[in-house]
PDB file of all heavy atoms in Angstrom:
ATOM      1  N   PRO A   1       7.331  -5.097  -5.657  1.00  0.00           N
ATOM      2  CA  PRO A   1       6.172  -4.592  -6.483  1.00  0.00           C
ATOM      3  C   PRO A   1       5.579  -5.712  -7.385  1.00  0.00           C
ATOM      4  O   PRO A   1       6.230  -6.619  -7.837  1.00  0.00           O
ATOM      5  CB  PRO A   1       6.833  -3.551  -7.318  1.00  0.00           C
ATOM      6  CG  PRO A   1       8.007  -3.166  -6.533  1.00  0.00           C
ATOM      7  CD  PRO A   1       8.444  -4.372  -5.947  1.00  0.00           C
ATOM      8  N   GLY A   2       4.251  -5.548  -7.611  1.00  0.00           N
ATOM      9  CA  GLY A   2       3.620  -6.418  -8.615  1.00  0.00           C
ATOM     10  C   GLY A   2       2.704  -7.534  -8.061  1.00  0.00           C
ATOM     11  O   GLY A   2       2.112  -8.265  -8.798  1.00  0.00           O
ATOM     12  N   GLY A   3       2.815  -7.831  -6.796  1.00  0.00           N
ATOM     13  CA  GLY A   3       2.114  -8.967  -6.172  1.00  0.00           C
ATOM     14  C   GLY A   3       0.811  -8.430  -5.419  1.00  0.00           C
ATOM     15  O   GLY A   3       0.387  -7.333  -5.492  1.00  0.00           O
ATOM     16  N   GLY A   4       0.151  -9.461  -4.760  1.00  0.00           N
ATOM     17  CA  GLY A   4      -1.100  -9.206  -3.981  1.00  0.00           C
ATOM     18  C   GLY A   4      -1.012  -8.215  -2.924  1.00  0.00           C
ATOM     19  O   GLY A   4      -1.861  -7.305  -2.724  1.00  0.00           O
ATOM     20  N   TRP A   5       0.076  -8.292  -2.185  1.00  0.00           N
ATOM     21  CA  TRP A   5       0.326  -7.303  -1.042  1.00  0.00           C
ATOM     22  C   TRP A   5       0.429  -5.899  -1.534  1.00  0.00           C
ATOM     23  O   TRP A   5      -0.049  -5.025  -1.061  1.00  0.00           O
ATOM     24  CB  TRP A   5       1.467  -7.606  -0.143  1.00  0.00           C
ATOM     25  CG  TRP A   5       1.106  -8.836   0.756  1.00  0.00           C
ATOM     26  CD1 TRP A   5      -0.103  -9.336   1.042  1.00  0.00           C
ATOM     27  CD2 TRP A   5       1.975  -9.593   1.693  1.00  0.00           C
ATOM     28  NE1 TRP A   5      -0.056 -10.343   2.096  1.00  0.00           N
ATOM     29  CE2 TRP A   5       1.217 -10.514   2.409  1.00  0.00           C
ATOM     30  CE3 TRP A   5       3.373  -9.560   1.747  1.00  0.00           C
ATOM     31  CZ2 TRP A   5       1.936 -11.329   3.283  1.00  0.00           C
ATOM     32  CZ3 TRP A   5       4.004 -10.453   2.726  1.00  0.00           C
ATOM     33  CH2 TRP A   5       3.221 -11.313   3.377  1.00  0.00           C
ATOM     34  N   ASP A   6       1.196  -5.855  -2.650  1.00  0.00           N
ATOM     35  CA  ASP A   6       1.514  -4.515  -3.365  1.00  0.00           C
ATOM     36  C   ASP A   6       0.129  -3.881  -3.813  1.00  0.00           C
ATOM     37  O   ASP A   6      -0.122  -2.748  -3.550  1.00  0.00           O
ATOM     38  CB  ASP A   6       2.535  -4.650  -4.430  1.00  0.00           C
ATOM     39  CG  ASP A   6       2.860  -3.281  -5.005  1.00  0.00           C
ATOM     40  OD1 ASP A   6       3.531  -2.522  -4.275  1.00  0.00           O
ATOM     41  OD2 ASP A   6       2.836  -3.113  -6.206  1.00  0.00           O
ATOM     42  N   THR A   7      -0.632  -4.717  -4.497  1.00  0.00           N
ATOM     43  CA  THR A   7      -1.895  -4.248  -5.014  1.00  0.00           C
ATOM     44  C   THR A   7      -2.882  -3.781  -3.947  1.00  0.00           C
ATOM     45  O   THR A   7      -3.510  -2.841  -4.018  1.00  0.00           O
ATOM     46  CB  THR A   7      -2.609  -5.376  -5.838  1.00  0.00           C
ATOM     47  OG1 THR A   7      -1.637  -5.704  -6.912  1.00  0.00           O
ATOM     48  CG2 THR A   7      -3.797  -4.799  -6.542  1.00  0.00           C
ATOM     49  N   THR A   8      -2.946  -4.672  -2.862  1.00  0.00           N
ATOM     50  CA  THR A   8      -3.726  -4.318  -1.736  1.00  0.00           C
ATOM     51  C   THR A   8      -3.295  -3.046  -1.047  1.00  0.00           C
ATOM     52  O   THR A   8      -4.181  -2.120  -0.749  1.00  0.00           O
ATOM     53  CB  THR A   8      -3.720  -5.531  -0.719  1.00  0.00           C
ATOM     54  OG1 THR A   8      -4.088  -6.767  -1.350  1.00  0.00           O
ATOM     55  CG2 THR A   8      -4.624  -5.268   0.443  1.00  0.00           C
ATOM     56  N   GLY A   9      -2.071  -2.894  -0.796  1.00  0.00           N
ATOM     57  CA  GLY A   9      -1.603  -1.724  -0.055  1.00  0.00           C
ATOM     58  C   GLY A   9      -1.823  -0.470  -0.856  1.00  0.00           C
ATOM     59  O   GLY A   9      -2.250   0.605  -0.338  1.00  0.00           O
ATOM     60  N   ARG A  10      -1.576  -0.439  -2.101  1.00  0.00           N
ATOM     61  CA  ARG A  10      -1.840   0.661  -2.954  1.00  0.00           C
ATOM     62  C   ARG A  10      -3.269   0.975  -3.129  1.00  0.00           C
ATOM     63  O   ARG A  10      -3.717   2.241  -3.141  1.00  0.00           O
ATOM     64  CB  ARG A  10      -1.059   0.626  -4.262  1.00  0.00           C
ATOM     65  CG  ARG A  10       0.491   0.618  -4.040  1.00  0.00           C
ATOM     66  CD  ARG A  10       1.246   0.381  -5.266  1.00  0.00           C
ATOM     67  NE  ARG A  10       2.631   0.148  -4.897  1.00  0.00           N
ATOM     68  CZ  ARG A  10       3.624   1.035  -4.797  1.00  0.00           C
ATOM     69  NH1 ARG A  10       3.223   2.333  -4.978  1.00  0.00           N
ATOM     70  NH2 ARG A  10       4.804   0.712  -4.484  1.00  0.00           N
ATOM     71  N   ALA A  11      -4.052  -0.004  -3.187  1.00  0.00           N
ATOM     72  CA  ALA A  11      -5.505   0.283  -3.353  1.00  0.00           C
ATOM     73  C   ALA A  11      -6.075   0.852  -1.988  1.00  0.00           C
ATOM     74  O   ALA A  11      -6.923   1.730  -2.080  1.00  0.00           O
ATOM     75  CB  ALA A  11      -6.273  -1.128  -3.663  1.00  0.00           C
ATOM     76  N   LEU A  12      -5.605   0.323  -0.961  1.00  0.00           N
ATOM     77  CA  LEU A  12      -6.073   0.949   0.277  1.00  0.00           C
ATOM     78  C   LEU A  12      -5.604   2.331   0.596  1.00  0.00           C
ATOM     79  O   LEU A  12      -6.307   3.140   1.032  1.00  0.00           O
ATOM     80  CB  LEU A  12      -5.447   0.039   1.509  1.00  0.00           C
ATOM     81  CG  LEU A  12      -5.929   0.471   2.943  1.00  0.00           C
ATOM     82  CD1 LEU A  12      -7.331   0.407   3.054  1.00  0.00           C
ATOM     83  CD2 LEU A  12      -5.178  -0.444   3.999  1.00  0.00           C
ATOM     84  N   GLY A  13      -4.281   2.619   0.130  1.00  0.00           N
ATOM     85  CA  GLY A  13      -3.746   4.013   0.268  1.00  0.00           C
ATOM     86  C   GLY A  13      -4.657   4.992  -0.535  1.00  0.00           C
ATOM     87  O   GLY A  13      -4.999   6.040  -0.068  1.00  0.00           O
ATOM     88  N   LYS A  14      -5.034   4.561  -1.764  1.00  0.00           N
ATOM     89  CA  LYS A  14      -5.824   5.430  -2.609  1.00  0.00           C
ATOM     90  C   LYS A  14      -7.217   5.646  -1.972  1.00  0.00           C
ATOM     91  O   LYS A  14      -7.735   6.809  -1.896  1.00  0.00           O
ATOM     92  CB  LYS A  14      -5.941   4.781  -4.036  1.00  0.00           C
ATOM     93  CG  LYS A  14      -6.838   5.663  -4.885  1.00  0.00           C
ATOM     94  CD  LYS A  14      -6.955   5.078  -6.256  1.00  0.00           C
ATOM     95  CE  LYS A  14      -7.720   5.919  -7.332  1.00  0.00           C
ATOM     96  NZ  LYS A  14      -9.011   6.406  -6.849  1.00  0.00           N
ATOM     97  N   ALA A  15      -7.777   4.565  -1.366  1.00  0.00           N
ATOM     98  CA  ALA A  15      -9.085   4.634  -0.772  1.00  0.00           C
ATOM     99  C   ALA A  15      -9.112   5.422   0.510  1.00  0.00           C
ATOM    100  O   ALA A  15     -10.026   6.224   0.795  1.00  0.00           O
ATOM    101  CB  ALA A  15      -9.601   3.283  -0.268  1.00  0.00           C
ATOM    102  N   MET A  16      -8.046   5.520   1.168  1.00  0.00           N
ATOM    103  CA  MET A  16      -7.784   6.316   2.401  1.00  0.00           C
ATOM    104  C   MET A  16      -7.788   7.827   1.880  1.00  0.00           C
ATOM    105  O   MET A  16      -8.391   8.733   2.665  1.00  0.00           O
ATOM    106  CB  MET A  16      -6.565   5.971   3.204  1.00  0.00           C
ATOM    107  CG  MET A  16      -6.558   4.664   3.860  1.00  0.00           C
ATOM    108  SD  MET A  16      -5.029   4.210   4.751  1.00  0.00           S
ATOM    109  CE  MET A  16      -5.194   5.137   6.161  1.00  0.00           C
ATOM    110  N   ILE A  17      -7.146   8.080   0.820  1.00  0.00           N
ATOM    111  CA  ILE A  17      -7.194   9.529   0.420  1.00  0.00           C
ATOM    112  C   ILE A  17      -8.596   9.925  -0.063  1.00  0.00           C
ATOM    113  O   ILE A  17      -9.061  10.870   0.266  1.00  0.00           O
ATOM    114  CB  ILE A  17      -6.136   9.653  -0.800  1.00  0.00           C
ATOM    115  CG1 ILE A  17      -4.647   9.532  -0.267  1.00  0.00           C
ATOM    116  CG2 ILE A  17      -6.343  11.012  -1.428  1.00  0.00           C
ATOM    117  CD1 ILE A  17      -3.746   9.475  -1.237  1.00  0.00           C
ATOM    118  N   ASP A  18      -9.244   8.923  -0.713  1.00  0.00           N
ATOM    119  CA  ASP A  18     -10.570   9.216  -1.204  1.00  0.00           C
ATOM    120  C   ASP A  18     -11.533   9.422  -0.048  1.00  0.00           C
ATOM    121  O   ASP A  18     -12.489  10.191  -0.104  1.00  0.00           O
ATOM    122  CB  ASP A  18     -11.122   8.069  -2.025  1.00  0.00           C
ATOM    123  CG  ASP A  18     -10.414   8.056  -3.486  1.00  0.00           C
ATOM    124  OD1 ASP A  18      -9.703   9.072  -3.822  1.00  0.00           O
ATOM    125  OD2 ASP A  18     -10.499   7.013  -4.249  1.00  0.00           O
ATOM    126  N   ALA A  19     -11.334   8.765   1.036  1.00  0.00           N
ATOM    127  CA  ALA A  19     -12.163   8.836   2.273  1.00  0.00           C
ATOM    128  C   ALA A  19     -11.889  10.080   3.037  1.00  0.00           C
ATOM    129  O   ALA A  19     -12.439  10.332   4.098  1.00  0.00           O
ATOM    130  CB  ALA A  19     -12.084   7.565   3.053  1.00  0.00           C
ATOM    131  N   LYS A  20     -10.763  10.818   2.527  1.00  0.00           N
ATOM    132  CA  LYS A  20     -10.308  11.992   3.253  1.00  0.00           C
ATOM    133  C   LYS A  20      -9.856  11.762   4.714  1.00  0.00           C
ATOM    134  O   LYS A  20      -9.933  12.596   5.570  1.00  0.00           O
ATOM    135  CB  LYS A  20     -11.449  13.077   3.230  1.00  0.00           C
ATOM    136  CG  LYS A  20     -11.790  13.576   1.875  1.00  0.00           C
ATOM    137  CD  LYS A  20     -12.904  14.654   1.925  1.00  0.00           C
ATOM    138  CE  LYS A  20     -13.091  15.300   0.543  1.00  0.00           C
ATOM    139  NZ  LYS A  20     -13.142  14.432  -0.576  1.00  0.00           N
ATOM    140  N   VAL A  21      -9.297  10.568   4.918  1.00  0.00           N
ATOM    141  CA  VAL A  21      -8.694  10.373   6.288  1.00  0.00           C
ATOM    142  C   VAL A  21      -7.055  10.435   6.016  1.00  0.00           C
ATOM    143  O   VAL A  21      -6.400  10.272   7.063  1.00  0.00           O
ATOM    144  CB  VAL A  21      -8.985   8.901   6.752  1.00  0.00           C
ATOM    145  CG1 VAL A  21     -10.433   8.764   7.085  1.00  0.00           C
ATOM    146  CG2 VAL A  21      -8.612   7.730   5.813  1.00  0.00           C
ATOM    147  N   ALA A  22      -6.646  10.659   4.833  1.00  0.00           N
ATOM    148  CA  ALA A  22      -5.262  10.855   4.626  1.00  0.00           C
ATOM    149  C   ALA A  22      -5.249  11.907   3.464  1.00  0.00           C
ATOM    150  O   ALA A  22      -5.860  11.917   2.352  1.00  0.00           O
ATOM    151  CB  ALA A  22      -4.636   9.563   4.122  1.00  0.00           C
ATOM    152  N   ASP A  23      -4.155  12.797   3.607  1.00  0.00           N
ATOM    153  CA  ASP A  23      -3.787  13.761   2.574  1.00  0.00           C
ATOM    154  C   ASP A  23      -2.887  13.154   1.534  1.00  0.00           C
ATOM    155  O   ASP A  23      -2.852  13.326   0.355  1.00  0.00           O
ATOM    156  CB  ASP A  23      -3.101  14.930   3.189  1.00  0.00           C
ATOM    157  CG  ASP A  23      -4.093  15.899   3.735  1.00  0.00           C
ATOM    158  OD1 ASP A  23      -5.192  16.015   3.291  1.00  0.00           O
ATOM    159  OD2 ASP A  23      -3.616  16.683   4.685  1.00  0.00           O
ATOM    160  N   ASN A  24      -1.967  12.194   2.046  1.00  0.00           N
ATOM    161  CA  ASN A  24      -1.013  11.475   1.194  1.00  0.00           C
ATOM    162  C   ASN A  24      -0.642  10.235   1.837  1.00  0.00           C
ATOM    163  O   ASN A  24      -0.727  10.038   3.014  1.00  0.00           O
ATOM    164  CB  ASN A  24       0.196  12.458   1.095  1.00  0.00           C
ATOM    165  CG  ASN A  24       1.177  11.850   0.149  1.00  0.00           C
ATOM    166  OD1 ASN A  24       0.795  11.415  -0.980  1.00  0.00           O
ATOM    167  ND2 ASN A  24       2.528  11.949   0.457  1.00  0.00           N
ATOM    168  N   VAL A  25      -0.232   9.395   1.026  1.00  0.00           N
ATOM    169  CA  VAL A  25       0.186   7.986   1.494  1.00  0.00           C
ATOM    170  C   VAL A  25       1.489   7.675   0.736  1.00  0.00           C
ATOM    171  O   VAL A  25       1.636   7.684  -0.451  1.00  0.00           O
ATOM    172  CB  VAL A  25      -0.822   6.888   1.131  1.00  0.00           C
ATOM    173  CG1 VAL A  25      -0.173   5.479   1.744  1.00  0.00           C
ATOM    174  CG2 VAL A  25      -2.097   7.089   1.912  1.00  0.00           C
ATOM    175  N   THR A  26       2.615   7.387   1.538  1.00  0.00           N
ATOM    176  CA  THR A  26       3.923   6.978   0.941  1.00  0.00           C
ATOM    177  C   THR A  26       3.991   5.387   1.078  1.00  0.00           C
ATOM    178  O   THR A  26       3.446   4.858   2.061  1.00  0.00           O
ATOM    179  CB  THR A  26       5.065   7.639   1.665  1.00  0.00           C
ATOM    180  OG1 THR A  26       5.067   7.235   3.046  1.00  0.00           O
ATOM    181  CG2 THR A  26       4.900   9.140   1.544  1.00  0.00           C
ATOM    182  N   TYR A  27       4.592   4.842   0.132  1.00  0.00           N
ATOM    183  CA  TYR A  27       4.722   3.366   0.117  1.00  0.00           C
ATOM    184  C   TYR A  27       6.234   2.916   0.122  1.00  0.00           C
ATOM    185  O   TYR A  27       7.082   3.630  -0.491  1.00  0.00           O
ATOM    186  CB  TYR A  27       4.084   2.735  -1.156  1.00  0.00           C
ATOM    187  CG  TYR A  27       2.668   3.306  -1.316  1.00  0.00           C
ATOM    188  CD1 TYR A  27       2.389   4.323  -2.175  1.00  0.00           C
ATOM    189  CD2 TYR A  27       1.615   2.567  -0.698  1.00  0.00           C
ATOM    190  CE1 TYR A  27       1.031   4.817  -2.311  1.00  0.00           C
ATOM    191  CE2 TYR A  27       0.346   2.906  -0.944  1.00  0.00           C
ATOM    192  CZ  TYR A  27      -0.007   4.087  -1.609  1.00  0.00           C
ATOM    193  OH  TYR A  27      -1.302   4.459  -1.815  1.00  0.00           O
ATOM    194  N   GLU A  28       6.549   1.847   0.837  1.00  0.00           N
ATOM    195  CA  GLU A  28       7.795   1.276   0.742  1.00  0.00           C
ATOM    196  C   GLU A  28       7.641  -0.227   0.611  1.00  0.00           C
ATOM    197  O   GLU A  28       6.979  -0.931   1.346  1.00  0.00           O
ATOM    198  CB  GLU A  28       8.609   1.624   2.110  1.00  0.00           C
ATOM    199  CG  GLU A  28       9.983   1.077   2.070  1.00  0.00           C
ATOM    200  CD  GLU A  28      10.874   1.453   3.197  1.00  0.00           C
ATOM    201  OE1 GLU A  28      10.316   2.153   4.130  1.00  0.00           O
ATOM    202  OE2 GLU A  28      12.051   1.154   3.252  1.00  0.00           O
ATOM    203  N   ASN A  29       8.301  -0.789  -0.449  1.00  0.00           N
ATOM    204  CA  ASN A  29       8.374  -2.184  -0.644  1.00  0.00           C
ATOM    205  C   ASN A  29       9.638  -2.772  -0.078  1.00  0.00           C
ATOM    206  O   ASN A  29      10.755  -2.224  -0.315  1.00  0.00           O
ATOM    207  CB  ASN A  29       8.324  -2.519  -2.165  1.00  0.00           C
ATOM    208  CG  ASN A  29       6.956  -2.174  -2.799  1.00  0.00           C
ATOM    209  OD1 ASN A  29       6.668  -1.002  -3.117  1.00  0.00           O
ATOM    210  ND2 ASN A  29       6.149  -3.158  -3.006  1.00  0.00           N
ATOM    211  N   LYS A  30       9.533  -3.823   0.698  1.00  0.00           N
ATOM    212  CA  LYS A  30      10.610  -4.541   1.188  1.00  0.00           C
ATOM    213  C   LYS A  30      10.239  -6.088   1.218  1.00  0.00           C
ATOM    214  O   LYS A  30       9.655  -6.625   2.066  1.00  0.00           O
ATOM    215  CB  LYS A  30      10.847  -4.020   2.727  1.00  0.00           C
ATOM    216  CG  LYS A  30      12.084  -4.762   3.323  1.00  0.00           C
ATOM    217  CD  LYS A  30      13.419  -4.261   2.732  1.00  0.00           C
ATOM    218  CE  LYS A  30      14.618  -4.866   3.482  1.00  0.00           C
ATOM    219  NZ  LYS A  30      15.905  -4.413   2.927  1.00  0.00           N
ATOM    220  N   GLY A  31      10.764  -6.714   0.060  1.00  0.00           N
ATOM    221  CA  GLY A  31      10.360  -8.144   0.007  1.00  0.00           C
ATOM    222  C   GLY A  31      11.342  -9.039   0.547  1.00  0.00           C
ATOM    223  O   GLY A  31      12.522  -8.711   0.884  1.00  0.00           O
ATOM    224  N   GLY A  32      10.905 -10.316   0.643  1.00  0.00           N
ATOM    225  CA  GLY A  32      11.766 -11.469   1.135  1.00  0.00           C
ATOM    226  C   GLY A  32      11.264 -12.052   2.327  1.00  0.00           C
ATOM    227  O   GLY A  32      10.610 -11.521   3.207  1.00  0.00           O
ATOM    228  N   ALA A  33      11.499 -13.379   2.411  1.00  0.00           N
ATOM    229  CA  ALA A  33      11.267 -14.263   3.579  1.00  0.00           C
ATOM    230  C   ALA A  33       9.830 -14.156   3.961  1.00  0.00           C
ATOM    231  O   ALA A  33       9.475 -14.052   5.196  1.00  0.00           O
ATOM    232  CB  ALA A  33      12.162 -13.811   4.747  1.00  0.00           C
ATOM    233  N   ALA A  34       8.961 -14.238   3.084  1.00  0.00           N
ATOM    234  CA  ALA A  34       7.493 -14.137   3.226  1.00  0.00           C
ATOM    235  C   ALA A  34       6.958 -13.015   3.939  1.00  0.00           C
ATOM    236  O   ALA A  34       6.065 -13.095   4.782  1.00  0.00           O
ATOM    237  CB  ALA A  34       7.062 -15.516   3.914  1.00  0.00           C
ATOM    238  N   GLY A  35       7.583 -11.935   3.811  1.00  0.00           N
ATOM    239  CA  GLY A  35       7.338 -10.731   4.562  1.00  0.00           C
ATOM    240  C   GLY A  35       8.006 -10.494   5.754  1.00  0.00           C
ATOM    241  O   GLY A  35       7.856  -9.334   6.453  1.00  0.00           O
ATOM    242  N   ALA A  36       8.902 -11.446   6.173  1.00  0.00           N
ATOM    243  CA  ALA A  36       9.592 -11.169   7.433  1.00  0.00           C
ATOM    244  C   ALA A  36      10.626 -10.101   7.395  1.00  0.00           C
ATOM    245  O   ALA A  36      10.817  -9.478   8.461  1.00  0.00           O
ATOM    246  CB  ALA A  36      10.330 -12.548   7.816  1.00  0.00           C
TER     247      ALA A  36
END
């Protein structure tokens, strides 16, 4: 949590709900090895 990918993912999730293409978005953070 707290980085650019985290910010991007959560902003996109909110936008998907606002666009009514999603009722809900769940998030899972799994850091390490440049995303590998």
